[in-house]
Every structure is written in C-alpha cells, then in structure tokens.
Amino acid sequence: MKSIHDPRYRQFIEQLIALRESRGTTQTQLADLLDKPQSYVAKVENLDRRLDVVELADWLHALNTPPHQFMTQLAWWQV
C-alpha cells in the first residue's frame, strides 16, 4: 500500500483541512502565505501530493499552530 493511502495519512490530511477551515482560511489564502500556487494546497488536500515534514512545519506556522499541538490531535500519534 502506498503511504499516501494509509488511513493514518488520510486522517492527518483531514486534520490539516479542519485546521485550515477552523482558522477561516481558504486554500488560496494559505497558498499565498506559503508563497505557493493554490493548486499546491489543493493537491495536498486531495491526496494527489504528499506533504513532507518541512512543508508541514510551514503549513502549521502559516496557520499559527504549534506542531506539538497539531500532532497530539491525531489519534494514532498517541504512543
């Protein structure tokens, strides 16, 4: 199974989408904050492109969310 189809990755992306939406931020606004095209955000959110750890840090910074706060919201992250 490709890691992009792993249920944990899907939950991770769903949580990122929920975070963006809870901040009232559109894909276009997030893309502007990241200095990327809107299609970049759409591809990540549609599971067409994988997000790496450096990109995650940039997303969370743009959404004013500490990484540890975001990660502890993921049920599978609890060790």
PDB file of N, CA and C in Angstrom:
ATOM      1  N   MET A   1       0.849  -1.176   0.000  1.00  0.00           N
ATOM      2  CA  MET A   1       0.000   0.000   0.000  1.00  0.00           C
ATOM      3  C   MET A   1       0.893   1.237   0.000  1.00  0.00           C
ATOM      4  N   LYS A   2       0.561   2.186  -0.867  1.00  0.00           N
ATOM      5  CA  LYS A   2       1.296   3.441  -0.871  1.00  0.00           C
ATOM      6  C   LYS A   2       0.981   4.202   0.401  1.00  0.00           C
ATOM      7  N   SER A   3       1.989   4.874   0.931  1.00  0.00           N
ATOM      8  CA  SER A   3       1.798   5.571   2.196  1.00  0.00           C
ATOM      9  C   SER A   3       0.772   6.693   2.104  1.00  0.00           C
ATOM     10  N   ILE A   4       0.580   7.249   0.917  1.00  0.00           N
ATOM     11  CA  ILE A   4      -0.409   8.313   0.761  1.00  0.00           C
ATOM     12  C   ILE A   4      -1.832   7.779   0.959  1.00  0.00           C
ATOM     13  N   HIS A   5      -2.012   6.469   0.814  1.00  0.00           N
ATOM     14  CA  HIS A   5      -3.328   5.854   1.001  1.00  0.00           C
ATOM     15  C   HIS A   5      -3.486   5.231   2.395  1.00  0.00           C
ATOM     16  N   ASP A   6      -2.476   5.342   3.206  1.00  0.00           N
ATOM     17  CA  ASP A   6      -2.534   4.840   4.578  1.00  0.00           C
ATOM     18  C   ASP A   6      -3.626   5.610   5.330  1.00  0.00           C
ATOM     19  N   PRO A   7      -4.489   4.920   6.049  1.00  0.00           N
ATOM     20  CA  PRO A   7      -5.555   5.611   6.788  1.00  0.00           C
ATOM     21  C   PRO A   7      -5.029   6.691   7.742  1.00  0.00           C
ATOM     22  N   ARG A   8      -3.847   6.484   8.285  1.00  0.00           N
ATOM     23  CA  ARG A   8      -3.270   7.494   9.173  1.00  0.00           C
ATOM     24  C   ARG A   8      -2.929   8.770   8.409  1.00  0.00           C
ATOM     25  N   TYR A   9      -2.433   8.620   7.183  1.00  0.00           N
ATOM     26  CA  TYR A   9      -2.112   9.794   6.374  1.00  0.00           C
ATOM     27  C   TYR A   9      -3.388  10.535   5.989  1.00  0.00           C
ATOM     28  N   ARG A  10      -4.416   9.782   5.653  1.00  0.00           N
ATOM     29  CA  ARG A  10      -5.705  10.411   5.325  1.00  0.00           C
ATOM     30  C   ARG A  10      -6.224  11.211   6.514  1.00  0.00           C
ATOM     31  N   GLN A  11      -6.133  10.652   7.720  1.00  0.00           N
ATOM     32  CA  GLN A  11      -6.582  11.368   8.908  1.00  0.00           C
ATOM     33  C   GLN A  11      -5.726  12.614   9.131  1.00  0.00           C
ATOM     34  N   PHE A  12      -4.444  12.499   8.898  1.00  0.00           N
ATOM     35  CA  PHE A  12      -3.516  13.620   9.013  1.00  0.00           C
ATOM     36  C   PHE A  12      -3.944  14.765   8.107  1.00  0.00           C
ATOM     37  N   ILE A  13      -4.248  14.459   6.854  1.00  0.00           N
ATOM     38  CA  ILE A  13      -4.670  15.493   5.902  1.00  0.00           C
ATOM     39  C   ILE A  13      -6.042  16.038   6.283  1.00  0.00           C
ATOM     40  N   GLU A  14      -6.951  15.172   6.703  1.00  0.00           N
ATOM     41  CA  GLU A  14      -8.269  15.643   7.141  1.00  0.00           C
ATOM     42  C   GLU A  14      -8.124  16.621   8.306  1.00  0.00           C
ATOM     43  N   GLN A  15      -7.194  16.343   9.206  1.00  0.00           N
ATOM     44  CA  GLN A  15      -6.955  17.228  10.352  1.00  0.00           C
ATOM     45  C   GLN A  15      -6.370  18.563   9.888  1.00  0.00           C
ATOM     46  N   LEU A  16      -5.488  18.533   8.884  1.00  0.00           N
ATOM     47  CA  LEU A  16      -4.942  19.779   8.339  1.00  0.00           C
ATOM     48  C   LEU A  16      -6.034  20.618   7.689  1.00  0.00           C
ATOM     49  N   ILE A  17      -6.922  19.957   6.962  1.00  0.00           N
ATOM     50  CA  ILE A  17      -8.035  20.669   6.328  1.00  0.00           C
ATOM     51  C   ILE A  17      -8.929  21.290   7.394  1.00  0.00           C
ATOM     52  N   ALA A  18      -9.250  20.512   8.415  1.00  0.00           N
ATOM     53  CA  ALA A  18     -10.100  21.019   9.502  1.00  0.00           C
ATOM     54  C   ALA A  18      -9.436  22.215  10.192  1.00  0.00           C
ATOM     55  N   LEU A  19      -8.130  22.149  10.379  1.00  0.00           N
ATOM     56  CA  LEU A  19      -7.406  23.258  10.989  1.00  0.00           C
ATOM     57  C   LEU A  19      -7.509  24.504  10.114  1.00  0.00           C
ATOM     58  N   ARG A  20      -7.246  24.339   8.828  1.00  0.00           N
ATOM     59  CA  ARG A  20      -7.323  25.481   7.902  1.00  0.00           C
ATOM     60  C   ARG A  20      -8.717  26.097   7.931  1.00  0.00           C
ATOM     61  N   GLU A  21      -9.730  25.250   7.865  1.00  0.00           N
ATOM     62  CA  GLU A  21     -11.103  25.739   7.851  1.00  0.00           C
ATOM     63  C   GLU A  21     -11.470  26.391   9.187  1.00  0.00           C
ATOM     64  N   SER A  22     -10.987  25.852  10.289  1.00  0.00           N
ATOM     65  CA  SER A  22     -11.290  26.440  11.601  1.00  0.00           C
ATOM     66  C   SER A  22     -10.679  27.830  11.749  1.00  0.00           C
ATOM     67  N   ARG A  23      -9.630  28.095  11.007  1.00  0.00           N
ATOM     68  CA  ARG A  23      -8.996  29.410  11.020  1.00  0.00           C
ATOM     69  C   ARG A  23      -9.672  30.371  10.040  1.00  0.00           C
ATOM     70  N   GLY A  24     -10.654  29.849   9.286  1.00  0.00           N
ATOM     71  CA  GLY A  24     -11.332  30.685   8.296  1.00  0.00           C
ATOM     72  C   GLY A  24     -10.443  31.035   7.118  1.00  0.00           C
ATOM     73  N   THR A  25      -9.499  30.159   6.837  1.00  0.00           N
ATOM     74  CA  THR A  25      -8.524  30.388   5.772  1.00  0.00           C
ATOM     75  C   THR A  25      -8.885  29.552   4.553  1.00  0.00           C
ATOM     76  N   THR A  26      -8.920  30.171   3.397  1.00  0.00           N
ATOM     77  CA  THR A  26      -9.197  29.446   2.161  1.00  0.00           C
ATOM     78  C   THR A  26      -7.903  28.812   1.638  1.00  0.00           C
ATOM     79  N   GLN A  27      -8.053  27.919   0.688  1.00  0.00           N
ATOM     80  CA  GLN A  27      -6.867  27.333   0.059  1.00  0.00           C
ATOM     81  C   GLN A  27      -6.015  28.423  -0.578  1.00  0.00           C
ATOM     82  N   THR A  28      -6.656  29.384  -1.214  1.00  0.00           N
ATOM     83  CA  THR A  28      -5.924  30.467  -1.877  1.00  0.00           C
ATOM     84  C   THR A  28      -5.160  31.316  -0.865  1.00  0.00           C
ATOM     85  N   GLN A  29      -5.784  31.619   0.257  1.00  0.00           N
ATOM     86  CA  GLN A  29      -5.097  32.401   1.292  1.00  0.00           C
ATOM     87  C   GLN A  29      -3.908  31.640   1.865  1.00  0.00           C
ATOM     88  N   LEU A  30      -4.090  30.345   2.119  1.00  0.00           N
ATOM     89  CA  LEU A  30      -2.989  29.535   2.629  1.00  0.00           C
ATOM     90  C   LEU A  30      -1.860  29.481   1.608  1.00  0.00           C
ATOM     91  N   ALA A  31      -2.211  29.275   0.364  1.00  0.00           N
ATOM     92  CA  ALA A  31      -1.196  29.236  -0.695  1.00  0.00           C
ATOM     93  C   ALA A  31      -0.407  30.541  -0.739  1.00  0.00           C
ATOM     94  N   ASP A  32      -1.084  31.660  -0.601  1.00  0.00           N
ATOM     95  CA  ASP A  32      -0.398  32.953  -0.584  1.00  0.00           C
ATOM     96  C   ASP A  32       0.573  33.041   0.595  1.00  0.00           C
ATOM     97  N   LEU A  33       0.131  32.575   1.766  1.00  0.00           N
ATOM     98  CA  LEU A  33       1.004  32.585   2.943  1.00  0.00           C
ATOM     99  C   LEU A  33       2.230  31.703   2.744  1.00  0.00           C
ATOM    100  N   LEU A  34       2.051  30.629   1.981  1.00  0.00           N
ATOM    101  CA  LEU A  34       3.143  29.689   1.725  1.00  0.00           C
ATOM    102  C   LEU A  34       3.974  30.068   0.499  1.00  0.00           C
ATOM    103  N   ASP A  35       3.528  31.112  -0.214  1.00  0.00           N
ATOM    104  CA  ASP A  35       4.176  31.526  -1.463  1.00  0.00           C
ATOM    105  C   ASP A  35       4.178  30.390  -2.488  1.00  0.00           C
ATOM    106  N   LYS A  36       3.021  29.749  -2.582  1.00  0.00           N
ATOM    107  CA  LYS A  36       2.815  28.625  -3.500  1.00  0.00           C
ATOM    108  C   LYS A  36       1.524  28.879  -4.286  1.00  0.00           C
ATOM    109  N   PRO A  37       1.335  28.172  -5.396  1.00  0.00           N
ATOM    110  CA  PRO A  37       0.056  28.296  -6.099  1.00  0.00           C
ATOM    111  C   PRO A  37      -1.057  27.569  -5.340  1.00  0.00           C
ATOM    112  N   GLN A  38      -2.278  27.990  -5.556  1.00  0.00           N
ATOM    113  CA  GLN A  38      -3.428  27.351  -4.900  1.00  0.00           C
ATOM    114  C   GLN A  38      -3.488  25.877  -5.237  1.00  0.00           C
ATOM    115  N   SER A  39      -3.059  25.508  -6.428  1.00  0.00           N
ATOM    116  CA  SER A  39      -3.098  24.100  -6.837  1.00  0.00           C
ATOM    117  C   SER A  39      -2.226  23.221  -5.942  1.00  0.00           C
ATOM    118  N   TYR A  40      -1.169  23.769  -5.368  1.00  0.00           N
ATOM    119  CA  TYR A  40      -0.306  23.029  -4.438  1.00  0.00           C
ATOM    120  C   TYR A  40      -1.116  22.601  -3.213  1.00  0.00           C
ATOM    121  N   VAL A  41      -1.856  23.540  -2.633  1.00  0.00           N
ATOM    122  CA  VAL A  41      -2.677  23.231  -1.464  1.00  0.00           C
ATOM    123  C   VAL A  41      -3.755  22.220  -1.847  1.00  0.00           C
ATOM    124  N   ALA A  42      -4.398  22.429  -2.986  1.00  0.00           N
ATOM    125  CA  ALA A  42      -5.456  21.514  -3.432  1.00  0.00           C
ATOM    126  C   ALA A  42      -4.913  20.107  -3.633  1.00  0.00           C
ATOM    127  N   LYS A  43      -3.753  19.976  -4.224  1.00  0.00           N
ATOM    128  CA  LYS A  43      -3.174  18.646  -4.470  1.00  0.00           C
ATOM    129  C   LYS A  43      -2.855  17.925  -3.161  1.00  0.00           C
ATOM    130  N   VAL A  44      -2.348  18.657  -2.182  1.00  0.00           N
ATOM    131  CA  VAL A  44      -2.082  18.036  -0.883  1.00  0.00           C
ATOM    132  C   VAL A  44      -3.394  17.601  -0.246  1.00  0.00           C
ATOM    133  N   GLU A  45      -4.379  18.491  -0.241  1.00  0.00           N
ATOM    134  CA  GLU A  45      -5.649  18.187   0.413  1.00  0.00           C
ATOM    135  C   GLU A  45      -6.438  17.095  -0.311  1.00  0.00           C
ATOM    136  N   ASN A  46      -6.211  16.932  -1.605  1.00  0.00           N
ATOM    137  CA  ASN A  46      -6.891  15.881  -2.376  1.00  0.00           C
ATOM    138  C   ASN A  46      -6.091  14.584  -2.431  1.00  0.00           C
ATOM    139  N   LEU A  47      -5.002  14.532  -1.677  1.00  0.00           N
ATOM    140  CA  LEU A  47      -4.125  13.355  -1.607  1.00  0.00           C
ATOM    141  C   LEU A  47      -3.451  13.035  -2.939  1.00  0.00           C
ATOM    142  N   ASP A  48      -3.245  14.066  -3.753  1.00  0.00           N
ATOM    143  CA  ASP A  48      -2.528  13.892  -5.016  1.00  0.00           C
ATOM    144  C   ASP A  48      -1.038  14.184  -4.844  1.00  0.00           C
ATOM    145  N   ARG A  49      -0.686  14.820  -3.732  1.00  0.00           N
ATOM    146  CA  ARG A  49       0.699  15.167  -3.457  1.00  0.00           C
ATOM    147  C   ARG A  49       0.960  14.964  -1.973  1.00  0.00           C
ATOM    148  N   ARG A  50       2.087  14.355  -1.674  1.00  0.00           N
ATOM    149  CA  ARG A  50       2.454  14.079  -0.285  1.00  0.00           C
ATOM    150  C   ARG A  50       3.138  15.290   0.332  1.00  0.00           C
ATOM    151  N   LEU A  51       2.830  15.544   1.584  1.00  0.00           N
ATOM    152  CA  LEU A  51       3.416  16.655   2.328  1.00  0.00           C
ATOM    153  C   LEU A  51       4.584  16.131   3.155  1.00  0.00           C
ATOM    154  N   ASP A  52       5.745  16.788   3.071  1.00  0.00           N
ATOM    155  CA  ASP A  52       6.866  16.333   3.903  1.00  0.00           C
ATOM    156  C   ASP A  52       6.926  17.144   5.192  1.00  0.00           C
ATOM    157  N   VAL A  53       7.827  16.791   6.077  1.00  0.00           N
ATOM    158  CA  VAL A  53       7.879  17.381   7.414  1.00  0.00           C
ATOM    159  C   VAL A  53       8.227  18.872   7.371  1.00  0.00           C
ATOM    160  N   VAL A  54       9.068  19.286   6.439  1.00  0.00           N
ATOM    161  CA  VAL A  54       9.421  20.702   6.316  1.00  0.00           C
ATOM    162  C   VAL A  54       8.203  21.489   5.837  1.00  0.00           C
ATOM    163  N   GLU A  55       7.491  20.931   4.862  1.00  0.00           N
ATOM    164  CA  GLU A  55       6.281  21.588   4.375  1.00  0.00           C
ATOM    165  C   GLU A  55       5.214  21.651   5.470  1.00  0.00           C
ATOM    166  N   LEU A  56       5.103  20.583   6.270  1.00  0.00           N
ATOM    167  CA  LEU A  56       4.152  20.589   7.385  1.00  0.00           C
ATOM    168  C   LEU A  56       4.483  21.726   8.346  1.00  0.00           C
ATOM    169  N   ALA A  57       5.735  21.898   8.665  1.00  0.00           N
ATOM    170  CA  ALA A  57       6.139  22.986   9.555  1.00  0.00           C
ATOM    171  C   ALA A  57       5.723  24.338   8.985  1.00  0.00           C
ATOM    172  N   ASP A  58       5.886  24.510   7.678  1.00  0.00           N
ATOM    173  CA  ASP A  58       5.479  25.764   7.037  1.00  0.00           C
ATOM    174  C   ASP A  58       3.966  25.966   7.115  1.00  0.00           C
ATOM    175  N   TRP A  59       3.200  24.894   6.865  1.00  0.00           N
ATOM    176  CA  TRP A  59       1.726  24.987   6.933  1.00  0.00           C
ATOM    177  C   TRP A  59       1.286  25.372   8.336  1.00  0.00           C
ATOM    178  N   LEU A  60       1.840  24.695   9.324  1.00  0.00           N
ATOM    179  CA  LEU A  60       1.433  24.965  10.700  1.00  0.00           C
ATOM    180  C   LEU A  60       1.834  26.370  11.130  1.00  0.00           C
ATOM    181  N   HIS A  61       2.986  26.816  10.704  1.00  0.00           N
ATOM    182  CA  HIS A  61       3.410  28.185  11.000  1.00  0.00           C
ATOM    183  C   HIS A  61       2.438  29.181  10.363  1.00  0.00           C
ATOM    184  N   ALA A  62       2.062  28.933   9.110  1.00  0.00           N
ATOM    185  CA  ALA A  62       1.129  29.820   8.414  1.00  0.00           C
ATOM    186  C   ALA A  62      -0.231  29.851   9.100  1.00  0.00           C
ATOM    187  N   LEU A  63      -0.605  28.748   9.735  1.00  0.00           N
ATOM    188  CA  LEU A  63      -1.893  28.658  10.421  1.00  0.00           C
ATOM    189  C   LEU A  63      -1.764  28.919  11.929  1.00  0.00           C
ATOM    190  N   ASN A  64      -0.610  29.434  12.333  1.00  0.00           N
ATOM    191  CA  ASN A  64      -0.366  29.801  13.745  1.00  0.00           C
ATOM    192  C   ASN A  64      -0.670  28.665  14.720  1.00  0.00           C
ATOM    193  N   THR A  65      -0.149  27.484  14.399  1.00  0.00           N
ATOM    194  CA  THR A  65      -0.388  26.307  15.232  1.00  0.00           C
ATOM    195  C   THR A  65       0.934  25.623  15.555  1.00  0.00           C
ATOM    196  N   PRO A  66       1.263  25.464  16.834  1.00  0.00           N
ATOM    197  CA  PRO A  66       2.489  24.745  17.193  1.00  0.00           C
ATOM    198  C   PRO A  66       2.402  23.282  16.731  1.00  0.00           C
ATOM    199  N   PRO A  67       3.483  22.742  16.189  1.00  0.00           N
ATOM    200  CA  PRO A  67       3.460  21.356  15.713  1.00  0.00           C
ATOM    201  C   PRO A  67       2.997  20.351  16.764  1.00  0.00           C
ATOM    202  N   HIS A  68       3.465  20.484  18.009  1.00  0.00           N
ATOM    203  CA  HIS A  68       3.071  19.513  19.035  1.00  0.00           C
ATOM    204  C   HIS A  68       1.567  19.568  19.290  1.00  0.00           C
ATOM    205  N   GLN A  69       0.983  20.755  19.210  1.00  0.00           N
ATOM    206  CA  GLN A  69      -0.464  20.885  19.406  1.00  0.00           C
ATOM    207  C   GLN A  69      -1.220  20.153  18.301  1.00  0.00           C
ATOM    208  N   PHE A  70      -0.759  20.316  17.068  1.00  0.00           N
ATOM    209  CA  PHE A  70      -1.407  19.647  15.938  1.00  0.00           C
ATOM    210  C   PHE A  70      -1.265  18.133  16.049  1.00  0.00           C
ATOM    211  N   MET A  71      -0.058  17.673  16.307  1.00  0.00           N
ATOM    212  CA  MET A  71       0.190  16.234  16.306  1.00  0.00           C
ATOM    213  C   MET A  71      -0.554  15.503  17.421  1.00  0.00           C
ATOM    214  N   THR A  72      -0.724  16.133  18.561  1.00  0.00           N
ATOM    215  CA  THR A  72      -1.417  15.456  19.651  1.00  0.00           C
ATOM    216  C   THR A  72      -2.911  15.295  19.377  1.00  0.00           C
ATOM    217  N   GLN A  73      -3.420  15.980  18.368  1.00  0.00           N
ATOM    218  CA  GLN A  73      -4.824  15.830  17.982  1.00  0.00           C
ATOM    219  C   GLN A  73      -5.053  14.585  17.120  1.00  0.00           C
ATOM    220  N   LEU A  74      -3.984  13.988  16.635  1.00  0.00           N
ATOM    221  CA  LEU A  74      -4.098  12.789  15.805  1.00  0.00           C
ATOM    222  C   LEU A  74      -4.183  11.564  16.709  1.00  0.00           C
ATOM    223  N   ALA A  75      -5.273  10.834  16.622  1.00  0.00           N
ATOM    224  CA  ALA A  75      -5.486   9.681  17.498  1.00  0.00           C
ATOM    225  C   ALA A  75      -4.362   8.662  17.385  1.00  0.00           C
ATOM    226  N   TRP A  76      -3.874   8.407  16.194  1.00  0.00           N
ATOM    227  CA  TRP A  76      -2.838   7.390  16.003  1.00  0.00           C
ATOM    228  C   TRP A  76      -1.469   7.853  16.478  1.00  0.00           C
ATOM    229  N   TRP A  77      -1.286   9.142  16.735  1.00  0.00           N
ATOM    230  CA  TRP A  77       0.001   9.657  17.198  1.00  0.00           C
ATOM    231  C   TRP A  77       0.235   9.339  18.659  1.00  0.00           C
ATOM    232  N   GLN A  78      -0.814   9.091  19.410  1.00  0.00           N
ATOM    233  CA  GLN A  78      -0.695   8.808  20.830  1.00  0.00           C
ATOM    234  C   GLN A  78       0.043   7.492  21.046  1.00  0.00           C
ATOM    235  N   VAL A  79       1.198   7.584  21.617  1.00  0.00           N
ATOM    236  CA  VAL A  79       2.037   6.387  21.802  1.00  0.00           C
ATOM    237  C   VAL A  79       1.998   5.958  23.256  1.00  0.00           C
TER     238      VAL A  79
END
